[in-house]
Amino acid sequence: LRFNLNKSSFVKVNSIEVLKSSCTEVGAGKTFTKIDIENYLKSKLGNTITGFKGISDVTFTDNESKTIAFQVQVNGEICWSEEMQLTVQNSTKPNFISKILKANYCDGDILSIDDNLLKSTFGSTILDYEIYIDGTKYTNGTTVQKVLNFGLINSEISFPIEVRSNGCSQSIQLNVGKKSPINLPPNF
């Protein structure tokens, strides 16, 4: 009977799925506790693990990720595994608000939604995200044209915009205002 007391029986895992936070609010940050990380690793690597080395609480800012190096100890063994790595990521949901374009548009006008309009309306960082306009993915550098049909009673038309990042999304509206009709005096 032969025992190897200098090496763990745990087989190194080279690729462990990223541990991601749920979508946190901008500026809120996120702390993954040592217990959170260990429980996640047990769910991915198996419950025969009785100890971890190299894991501590990790605090993140918005959309930050870090890679931690760790080792595990298996039930009944005194040796530690080879070093493995886990990427931990804080996913922050986008932070934009719905906007109204000035009431400069008439029925039948064509609204051209492009990089310039998006940046001037929502801020320059909006192009850092995946953007969906009316359910269709927007590609930077292109133009989406929308025919404006206000009808008789609508003073605004809303286009839904979804902004996505790291599995988080936010729904906002691009509201387009109708130009006021010109009231001419009678017998003009």
Protein backbone atom coordinates (compact mmCIF):
# COMPACT_ATOMS: atom_id res chain seq x y z
CA LEU A 1 0.00 0.00 0.00
CA ARG A 2 1.44 3.37 -1.04
CA PHE A 3 0.36 6.93 -0.12
CA ASN A 4 1.50 10.19 -1.60
CA LEU A 5 1.31 12.66 1.28
CA ASN A 6 2.83 15.58 -0.61
CA LYS A 7 0.13 16.06 -3.22
CA SER A 8 -3.59 16.65 -3.07
CA SER A 9 -5.88 14.28 -4.94
CA PHE A 10 -7.92 17.27 -6.13
CA VAL A 11 -7.63 17.72 -9.89
CA LYS A 12 -6.96 21.35 -10.81
CA VAL A 13 -9.82 23.09 -12.63
CA ASN A 14 -8.47 25.52 -15.22
CA SER A 15 -11.68 27.29 -16.14
CA ILE A 16 -14.22 28.25 -13.46
CA GLU A 17 -17.29 30.25 -14.45
CA VAL A 18 -17.06 33.93 -13.41
CA LEU A 19 -18.79 34.79 -10.13
CA LYS A 20 -20.97 37.80 -10.99
CA SER A 21 -23.00 40.03 -8.74
CA SER A 22 -26.61 40.73 -9.50
CA CYS A 23 -27.07 44.15 -11.09
CA THR A 24 -26.02 46.68 -8.47
CA GLU A 25 -26.95 50.34 -8.47
CA VAL A 26 -24.38 52.84 -9.73
CA GLY A 27 -22.10 53.97 -6.92
CA ALA A 28 -23.30 51.27 -4.50
CA GLY A 29 -20.28 49.00 -4.91
CA LYS A 30 -20.38 45.37 -3.85
CA THR A 31 -18.62 43.18 -1.33
CA PHE A 32 -18.37 39.45 -1.86
CA THR A 33 -17.68 37.88 1.52
CA LYS A 34 -15.26 35.01 2.04
CA ILE A 35 -18.27 32.78 2.73
CA ASP A 36 -20.03 33.91 -0.50
CA ILE A 37 -16.95 33.01 -2.55
CA GLU A 38 -16.35 29.70 -0.77
CA ASN A 39 -19.99 28.62 -1.17
CA TYR A 40 -19.86 29.51 -4.87
CA LEU A 41 -16.68 27.49 -5.34
CA LYS A 42 -18.14 24.49 -3.48
CA SER A 43 -21.14 24.59 -5.85
CA LYS A 44 -18.76 24.55 -8.84
CA LEU A 45 -15.99 22.26 -7.55
CA GLY A 46 -17.84 19.83 -5.32
CA ASN A 47 -18.71 19.39 -1.65
CA THR A 48 -15.69 17.24 -0.75
CA ILE A 49 -13.75 20.48 -0.23
CA THR A 50 -13.16 21.21 3.47
CA GLY A 51 -10.83 24.19 3.30
CA PHE A 52 -9.77 27.16 1.20
CA LYS A 53 -6.52 29.11 1.16
CA GLY A 54 -6.16 32.58 -0.36
CA ILE A 55 -9.78 33.71 -0.15
CA SER A 56 -10.93 36.80 1.73
CA ASP A 57 -13.67 39.42 1.45
CA VAL A 58 -13.41 41.36 -1.84
CA THR A 59 -14.92 44.83 -2.36
CA PHE A 60 -15.66 46.23 -5.80
CA THR A 61 -16.52 49.54 -7.43
CA ASP A 62 -18.88 49.84 -10.43
CA ASN A 63 -18.31 47.21 -13.14
CA GLU A 64 -15.01 46.14 -11.59
CA SER A 65 -13.65 42.63 -11.75
CA LYS A 66 -10.77 40.94 -9.96
CA THR A 67 -9.06 37.58 -10.26
CA ILE A 68 -8.27 35.78 -7.04
CA ALA A 69 -5.83 32.89 -6.69
CA PHE A 70 -6.76 30.13 -4.25
CA GLN A 71 -6.17 26.54 -3.25
CA VAL A 72 -8.52 23.92 -1.83
CA GLN A 73 -8.18 21.11 0.64
CA VAL A 74 -10.15 17.91 0.19
CA ASN A 75 -11.83 15.99 3.01
CA GLY A 76 -9.30 13.70 4.78
CA GLU A 77 -6.18 15.22 3.21
CA ILE A 78 -3.56 17.52 4.69
CA CYS A 79 -2.15 18.79 1.37
CA TRP A 80 -3.47 21.69 -0.65
CA SER A 81 -4.39 21.56 -4.34
CA GLU A 82 -2.53 23.35 -7.06
CA GLU A 83 -3.32 27.06 -7.25
CA MET A 84 -6.45 27.92 -9.25
CA GLN A 85 -8.04 31.21 -10.27
CA LEU A 86 -11.53 32.65 -10.03
CA THR A 87 -12.68 35.90 -11.61
CA VAL A 88 -15.21 37.80 -9.49
CA GLN A 89 -17.17 40.62 -11.12
CA ASN A 90 -19.47 43.37 -9.91
CA SER A 91 -22.05 44.12 -12.61
CA THR A 92 -23.52 47.60 -12.33
CA LYS A 93 -26.73 48.41 -14.12
CA PRO A 94 -26.64 51.33 -16.56
CA ASN A 95 -27.68 54.69 -15.14
CA PHE A 96 -29.60 56.78 -17.66
CA ILE A 97 -32.91 58.63 -17.51
CA SER A 98 -35.61 59.11 -20.14
CA LYS A 99 -35.27 62.32 -22.13
CA ILE A 100 -37.55 64.58 -24.17
CA LEU A 101 -36.38 66.13 -27.42
CA LYS A 102 -37.61 69.69 -27.90
CA ALA A 103 -40.98 70.14 -29.55
CA ASN A 104 -39.51 70.85 -32.98
CA TYR A 105 -41.13 68.06 -34.95
CA CYS A 106 -44.21 67.81 -37.13
CA ASP A 107 -46.34 64.90 -38.23
CA GLY A 108 -44.53 62.99 -40.97
CA ASP A 109 -41.04 64.29 -40.08
CA ILE A 110 -38.24 61.74 -39.99
CA LEU A 111 -36.22 61.49 -36.80
CA SER A 112 -32.67 60.27 -37.42
CA ILE A 113 -31.28 58.53 -34.35
CA ASP A 114 -27.50 58.31 -34.61
CA ASP A 115 -24.39 58.51 -32.41
CA ASN A 116 -24.60 62.32 -32.19
CA LEU A 117 -28.26 62.37 -31.17
CA LEU A 118 -27.73 59.62 -28.57
CA LYS A 119 -24.64 61.34 -27.08
CA SER A 120 -26.20 64.81 -27.00
CA THR A 121 -29.43 63.46 -25.48
CA PHE A 122 -28.18 60.85 -22.99
CA GLY A 123 -24.49 61.70 -22.56
CA SER A 124 -21.30 60.52 -24.24
CA THR A 125 -21.03 57.31 -22.19
CA ILE A 126 -24.19 55.80 -23.70
CA LEU A 127 -22.17 54.51 -26.66
CA ASP A 128 -20.14 52.35 -24.22
CA TYR A 129 -23.22 50.14 -23.83
CA GLU A 130 -25.29 47.83 -26.02
CA ILE A 131 -28.29 49.85 -27.17
CA TYR A 132 -31.63 48.56 -28.41
CA ILE A 133 -34.02 51.04 -30.01
CA ASP A 134 -37.60 49.85 -30.29
CA GLY A 135 -36.31 46.28 -29.75
CA THR A 136 -33.66 46.39 -32.51
CA LYS A 137 -29.95 46.39 -31.68
CA TYR A 138 -28.29 49.69 -32.53
CA THR A 139 -24.81 49.61 -34.08
CA ASN A 140 -22.52 52.58 -33.38
CA GLY A 141 -21.90 54.64 -36.49
CA THR A 142 -25.27 53.87 -38.06
CA THR A 143 -28.54 55.80 -38.28
CA VAL A 144 -32.01 54.59 -37.34
CA GLN A 145 -34.80 56.56 -38.99
CA LYS A 146 -38.25 56.84 -37.47
CA VAL A 147 -41.23 58.45 -39.20
CA LEU A 148 -43.09 60.58 -36.66
CA ASN A 149 -46.85 60.04 -36.61
CA PHE A 150 -48.28 62.08 -33.77
CA GLY A 151 -51.90 61.82 -34.86
CA LEU A 152 -54.46 64.39 -33.83
CA ILE A 153 -54.18 64.21 -30.05
CA ASN A 154 -50.59 63.18 -29.24
CA SER A 155 -48.10 65.88 -28.32
CA GLU A 156 -45.31 63.32 -27.84
CA ILE A 157 -44.11 60.03 -29.29
CA SER A 158 -42.03 57.67 -27.17
CA PHE A 159 -39.42 55.26 -28.44
CA PRO A 160 -38.33 52.58 -25.97
CA ILE A 161 -34.56 52.27 -25.55
CA GLU A 162 -32.88 49.46 -23.66
CA VAL A 163 -29.30 49.94 -22.48
CA ARG A 164 -27.34 46.76 -21.58
CA SER A 165 -24.02 46.06 -19.89
CA ASN A 166 -22.55 42.94 -18.25
CA GLY A 167 -25.90 41.17 -18.13
CA CYS A 168 -27.66 44.20 -16.62
CA SER A 169 -30.17 46.31 -18.49
CA GLN A 170 -32.18 49.46 -18.09
CA SER A 171 -35.23 50.60 -20.03
CA ILE A 172 -35.61 54.29 -20.82
CA GLN A 173 -37.63 56.35 -23.28
CA LEU A 174 -36.68 58.80 -25.99
CA ASN A 175 -39.68 61.12 -26.10
CA VAL A 176 -40.12 63.34 -29.15
CA GLY A 177 -42.21 66.49 -28.78
CA LYS A 178 -44.61 67.76 -31.44
CA LYS A 179 -44.24 71.33 -32.66
CA SER A 180 -47.17 73.53 -31.65
CA PRO A 181 -49.44 74.43 -34.54
CA ILE A 182 -49.32 77.98 -35.79
CA ASN A 183 -52.58 79.70 -34.99
CA LEU A 184 -53.34 82.17 -37.74
CA PRO A 185 -55.92 84.85 -37.17
CA PRO A 186 -59.16 84.48 -39.11
CA ASN A 187 -59.19 86.01 -42.61
CA PHE A 188 -55.44 85.78 -42.91
